[in-house]
Amino acid sequence: MSWMNRLKVQFVILLLLWLVPDSTQLMSTTVKLNSERLAGSGGVVRIGHLQPNNPNIAHEPEILKMCARDLKERKILPINYTLTVITMESCNKFSGVEHAAYLHYIKNATIYFGPGCNNVLVNNVNSSCEPFVVRSSVDK
């Protein structure tokens, strides 16, 4: 399975878990007729996406938007729901915390992806605790 297909599957699973409160309801929802897709209050699901500044994953926001369109086109998502992806940078001088707060309080994000890094924090902790860190032969 390619990384793009894995990302699609993870996206769908997280979205469905957020939209449907328990798994029994999820199973019964998948069996119901297409007409039931019209039910519900609907609305906009704002996806807050924190992305590290890394050229290897520069297309991640476009892939998330493509997955959102695909869910709509394949009629997996209820008709009256819209997915909006809002991407901001993380992993740069701890900007991820600031941007996560911005996505939550200003953009009213409903669900979050990211940040895709933790090595800045881990490296800072390791360097400040150097005398206390016990390293194995695997770490060297």
C-alpha atoms as a PDB file:
ATOM      1  CA  MET A   1       0.000   0.000   0.000  1.00  0.00           C
ATOM      2  CA  SER A   2       1.461   3.353  -1.015  1.00  0.00           C
ATOM      3  CA  TRP A   3       1.944   6.184   1.476  1.00  0.00           C
ATOM      4  CA  MET A   4      -0.820   8.176  -0.218  1.00  0.00           C
ATOM      5  CA  ASN A   5      -3.318   5.326   0.164  1.00  0.00           C
ATOM      6  CA  ARG A   6      -2.285   4.873   3.815  1.00  0.00           C
ATOM      7  CA  LEU A   7      -2.840   8.594   4.392  1.00  0.00           C
ATOM      8  CA  LYS A   8      -6.301   8.362   2.797  1.00  0.00           C
ATOM      9  CA  VAL A   9      -7.254   5.399   4.974  1.00  0.00           C
ATOM     10  CA  GLN A  10      -6.024   7.113   8.163  1.00  0.00           C
ATOM     11  CA  PHE A  11      -7.872  10.298   7.185  1.00  0.00           C
ATOM     12  CA  VAL A  12     -11.158   8.444   6.622  1.00  0.00           C
ATOM     13  CA  ILE A  13     -10.841   6.483   9.867  1.00  0.00           C
ATOM     14  CA  LEU A  14     -10.137   9.569  11.972  1.00  0.00           C
ATOM     15  CA  LEU A  15     -12.928  11.513  10.313  1.00  0.00           C
ATOM     16  CA  LEU A  16     -15.468   8.730  10.783  1.00  0.00           C
ATOM     17  CA  LEU A  17     -14.456   8.228  14.403  1.00  0.00           C
ATOM     18  CA  TRP A  18     -14.991  11.938  14.963  1.00  0.00           C
ATOM     19  CA  LEU A  19     -18.344  12.070  13.136  1.00  0.00           C
ATOM     20  CA  VAL A  20     -19.835   8.913  14.674  1.00  0.00           C
ATOM     21  CA  PRO A  21     -19.803   8.633  18.490  1.00  0.00           C
ATOM     22  CA  ASP A  22     -19.561   4.847  18.816  1.00  0.00           C
ATOM     23  CA  SER A  23     -18.615   1.904  16.612  1.00  0.00           C
ATOM     24  CA  THR A  24     -22.039   0.211  16.670  1.00  0.00           C
ATOM     25  CA  GLN A  25     -23.565   3.349  15.248  1.00  0.00           C
ATOM     26  CA  LEU A  26     -20.799   3.426  12.616  1.00  0.00           C
ATOM     27  CA  MET A  27     -21.564  -0.141  11.516  1.00  0.00           C
ATOM     28  CA  SER A  28     -25.301   0.507  11.247  1.00  0.00           C
ATOM     29  CA  THR A  29     -24.646   3.775   9.392  1.00  0.00           C
ATOM     30  CA  THR A  30     -22.696   2.009   6.656  1.00  0.00           C
ATOM     31  CA  VAL A  31     -25.612  -0.365   6.016  1.00  0.00           C
ATOM     32  CA  LYS A  32     -28.300   2.310   5.659  1.00  0.00           C
ATOM     33  CA  LEU A  33     -29.554   3.610   2.335  1.00  0.00           C
ATOM     34  CA  ASN A  34     -28.045   6.522   0.447  1.00  0.00           C
ATOM     35  CA  SER A  35     -31.104   8.672   1.279  1.00  0.00           C
ATOM     36  CA  GLU A  36     -29.930   8.813   4.885  1.00  0.00           C
ATOM     37  CA  ARG A  37     -26.926  10.833   3.778  1.00  0.00           C
ATOM     38  CA  LEU A  38     -29.278  13.822   3.692  1.00  0.00           C
ATOM     39  CA  ALA A  39     -30.101  13.549   7.404  1.00  0.00           C
ATOM     40  CA  GLY A  40     -28.322  15.516  10.120  1.00  0.00           C
ATOM     41  CA  SER A  41     -27.528  19.132  10.722  1.00  0.00           C
ATOM     42  CA  GLY A  42     -24.431  19.168   8.523  1.00  0.00           C
ATOM     43  CA  GLY A  43     -21.836  21.867   8.656  1.00  0.00           C
ATOM     44  CA  VAL A  44     -18.183  22.513   8.072  1.00  0.00           C
ATOM     45  CA  VAL A  45     -15.463  20.316   9.527  1.00  0.00           C
ATOM     46  CA  ARG A  46     -12.351  22.497   9.821  1.00  0.00           C
ATOM     47  CA  ILE A  47      -9.202  20.392   9.718  1.00  0.00           C
ATOM     48  CA  GLY A  48      -6.237  22.079  11.393  1.00  0.00           C
ATOM     49  CA  HIS A  49      -3.026  20.788   9.843  1.00  0.00           C
ATOM     50  CA  LEU A  50       0.370  21.539  11.397  1.00  0.00           C
ATOM     51  CA  GLN A  51       3.147  20.776   8.938  1.00  0.00           C
ATOM     52  CA  PRO A  52       6.904  20.877   9.455  1.00  0.00           C
ATOM     53  CA  ASN A  53       8.970  22.853   6.965  1.00  0.00           C
ATOM     54  CA  ASN A  54      10.277  19.773   5.168  1.00  0.00           C
ATOM     55  CA  PRO A  55      10.527  19.522   1.367  1.00  0.00           C
ATOM     56  CA  ASN A  56       9.953  15.748   1.533  1.00  0.00           C
ATOM     57  CA  ILE A  57       6.356  16.315   2.656  1.00  0.00           C
ATOM     58  CA  ALA A  58       5.660  19.647   0.967  1.00  0.00           C
ATOM     59  CA  HIS A  59       2.599  18.258  -0.834  1.00  0.00           C
ATOM     60  CA  GLU A  60       0.869  17.038   2.337  1.00  0.00           C
ATOM     61  CA  PRO A  61      -1.750  19.866   2.388  1.00  0.00           C
ATOM     62  CA  GLU A  62      -2.724  19.153  -1.229  1.00  0.00           C
ATOM     63  CA  ILE A  63      -3.053  15.445  -0.432  1.00  0.00           C
ATOM     64  CA  LEU A  64      -5.366  16.175   2.515  1.00  0.00           C
ATOM     65  CA  LYS A  65      -7.513  18.418   0.280  1.00  0.00           C
ATOM     66  CA  MET A  66      -7.540  15.720  -2.399  1.00  0.00           C
ATOM     67  CA  CYS A  67      -8.702  13.170   0.202  1.00  0.00           C
ATOM     68  CA  ALA A  68     -11.472  15.523   1.324  1.00  0.00           C
ATOM     69  CA  ARG A  69     -12.673  15.919  -2.293  1.00  0.00           C
ATOM     70  CA  ASP A  70     -12.449  12.155  -2.792  1.00  0.00           C
ATOM     71  CA  LEU A  71     -14.648  11.496   0.262  1.00  0.00           C
ATOM     72  CA  LYS A  72     -17.258  13.852  -1.174  1.00  0.00           C
ATOM     73  CA  GLU A  73     -17.084  12.444  -4.733  1.00  0.00           C
ATOM     74  CA  ARG A  74     -17.323   8.816  -3.583  1.00  0.00           C
ATOM     75  CA  LYS A  75     -20.300   9.768  -1.379  1.00  0.00           C
ATOM     76  CA  ILE A  76     -18.636   8.550   1.808  1.00  0.00           C
ATOM     77  CA  LEU A  77     -19.101  11.902   3.519  1.00  0.00           C
ATOM     78  CA  PRO A  78     -22.685  13.058   4.203  1.00  0.00           C
ATOM     79  CA  ILE A  79     -23.893  15.502   1.551  1.00  0.00           C
ATOM     80  CA  ASN A  80     -24.379  18.388   3.960  1.00  0.00           C
ATOM     81  CA  TYR A  81     -20.843  18.247   5.397  1.00  0.00           C
ATOM     82  CA  THR A  82     -17.916  20.193   3.996  1.00  0.00           C
ATOM     83  CA  LEU A  83     -14.265  19.584   4.847  1.00  0.00           C
ATOM     84  CA  THR A  84     -11.899  22.559   4.973  1.00  0.00           C
ATOM     85  CA  VAL A  85      -8.148  22.037   5.433  1.00  0.00           C
ATOM     86  CA  ILE A  86      -6.193  24.875   7.093  1.00  0.00           C
ATOM     87  CA  THR A  87      -2.419  24.310   7.067  1.00  0.00           C
ATOM     88  CA  MET A  88       0.128  26.154   9.191  1.00  0.00           C
ATOM     89  CA  GLU A  89       3.827  25.603   9.825  1.00  0.00           C
ATOM     90  CA  SER A  90       5.168  23.820  12.879  1.00  0.00           C
ATOM     91  CA  CYS A  91       8.577  22.599  14.091  1.00  0.00           C
ATOM     92  CA  ASN A  92      10.239  25.984  13.648  1.00  0.00           C
ATOM     93  CA  LYS A  93      11.257  27.658  16.920  1.00  0.00           C
ATOM     94  CA  PHE A  94       8.235  26.083  18.652  1.00  0.00           C
ATOM     95  CA  SER A  95       5.802  27.823  16.271  1.00  0.00           C
ATOM     96  CA  GLY A  96       3.636  24.693  16.328  1.00  0.00           C
ATOM     97  CA  VAL A  97       2.222  25.577  19.757  1.00  0.00           C
ATOM     98  CA  GLU A  98       1.375  29.107  18.655  1.00  0.00           C
ATOM     99  CA  HIS A  99      -0.155  27.919  15.390  1.00  0.00           C
ATOM    100  CA  ALA A 100      -2.161  25.176  17.108  1.00  0.00           C
ATOM    101  CA  ALA A 101      -3.659  27.804  19.427  1.00  0.00           C
ATOM    102  CA  TYR A 102      -4.389  30.030  16.414  1.00  0.00           C
ATOM    103  CA  LEU A 103      -6.128  27.158  14.606  1.00  0.00           C
ATOM    104  CA  HIS A 104      -8.164  26.347  17.716  1.00  0.00           C
ATOM    105  CA  TYR A 105      -9.206  29.806  18.892  1.00  0.00           C
ATOM    106  CA  ILE A 106      -9.213  31.916  15.710  1.00  0.00           C
ATOM    107  CA  LYS A 107      -9.994  29.415  12.931  1.00  0.00           C
ATOM    108  CA  ASN A 108     -12.203  27.165  15.137  1.00  0.00           C
ATOM    109  CA  ALA A 109     -10.563  23.953  13.903  1.00  0.00           C
ATOM    110  CA  THR A 110     -12.596  20.837  14.612  1.00  0.00           C
ATOM    111  CA  ILE A 111      -9.937  18.149  14.176  1.00  0.00           C
ATOM    112  CA  TYR A 112      -6.129  18.318  14.025  1.00  0.00           C
ATOM    113  CA  PHE A 113      -3.297  16.607  12.163  1.00  0.00           C
ATOM    114  CA  GLY A 114       0.284  17.182  13.269  1.00  0.00           C
ATOM    115  CA  PRO A 115       2.735  18.294  14.162  1.00  0.00           C
ATOM    116  CA  GLY A 116       4.896  15.895  12.247  1.00  0.00           C
ATOM    117  CA  CYS A 117       7.950  16.422  14.429  1.00  0.00           C
ATOM    118  CA  ASN A 118       9.097  16.124  17.995  1.00  0.00           C
ATOM    119  CA  ASN A 119      12.861  16.038  17.534  1.00  0.00           C
ATOM    120  CA  VAL A 120      13.317  19.719  18.491  1.00  0.00           C
ATOM    121  CA  LEU A 121      11.910  19.087  21.957  1.00  0.00           C
ATOM    122  CA  VAL A 122      13.668  15.730  22.316  1.00  0.00           C
ATOM    123  CA  ASN A 123      17.034  17.212  21.277  1.00  0.00           C
ATOM    124  CA  ASN A 124      16.645  20.097  23.745  1.00  0.00           C
ATOM    125  CA  VAL A 125      15.771  17.725  26.585  1.00  0.00           C
ATOM    126  CA  ASN A 126      18.670  15.403  25.703  1.00  0.00           C
ATOM    127  CA  SER A 127      21.216  18.243  25.606  1.00  0.00           C
ATOM    128  CA  SER A 128      20.044  19.752  28.900  1.00  0.00           C
ATOM    129  CA  CYS A 129      20.011  16.354  30.629  1.00  0.00           C
ATOM    130  CA  GLU A 130      23.267  15.071  29.112  1.00  0.00           C
ATOM    131  CA  PRO A 131      24.834  13.983  32.437  1.00  0.00           C
ATOM    132  CA  PHE A 132      21.717  11.944  33.262  1.00  0.00           C
ATOM    133  CA  VAL A 133      21.180  10.249  29.898  1.00  0.00           C
ATOM    134  CA  VAL A 134      22.222   6.617  29.730  1.00  0.00           C
ATOM    135  CA  ARG A 135      22.964   5.661  26.132  1.00  0.00           C
ATOM    136  CA  SER A 136      22.912   2.169  24.748  1.00  0.00           C
ATOM    137  CA  SER A 137      25.035   0.888  21.897  1.00  0.00           C
ATOM    138  CA  VAL A 138      22.010   1.328  19.615  1.00  0.00           C
ATOM    139  CA  ASP A 139      21.957   5.113  20.232  1.00  0.00           C
ATOM    140  CA  LYS A 140      25.569   5.598  19.089  1.00  0.00           C
END
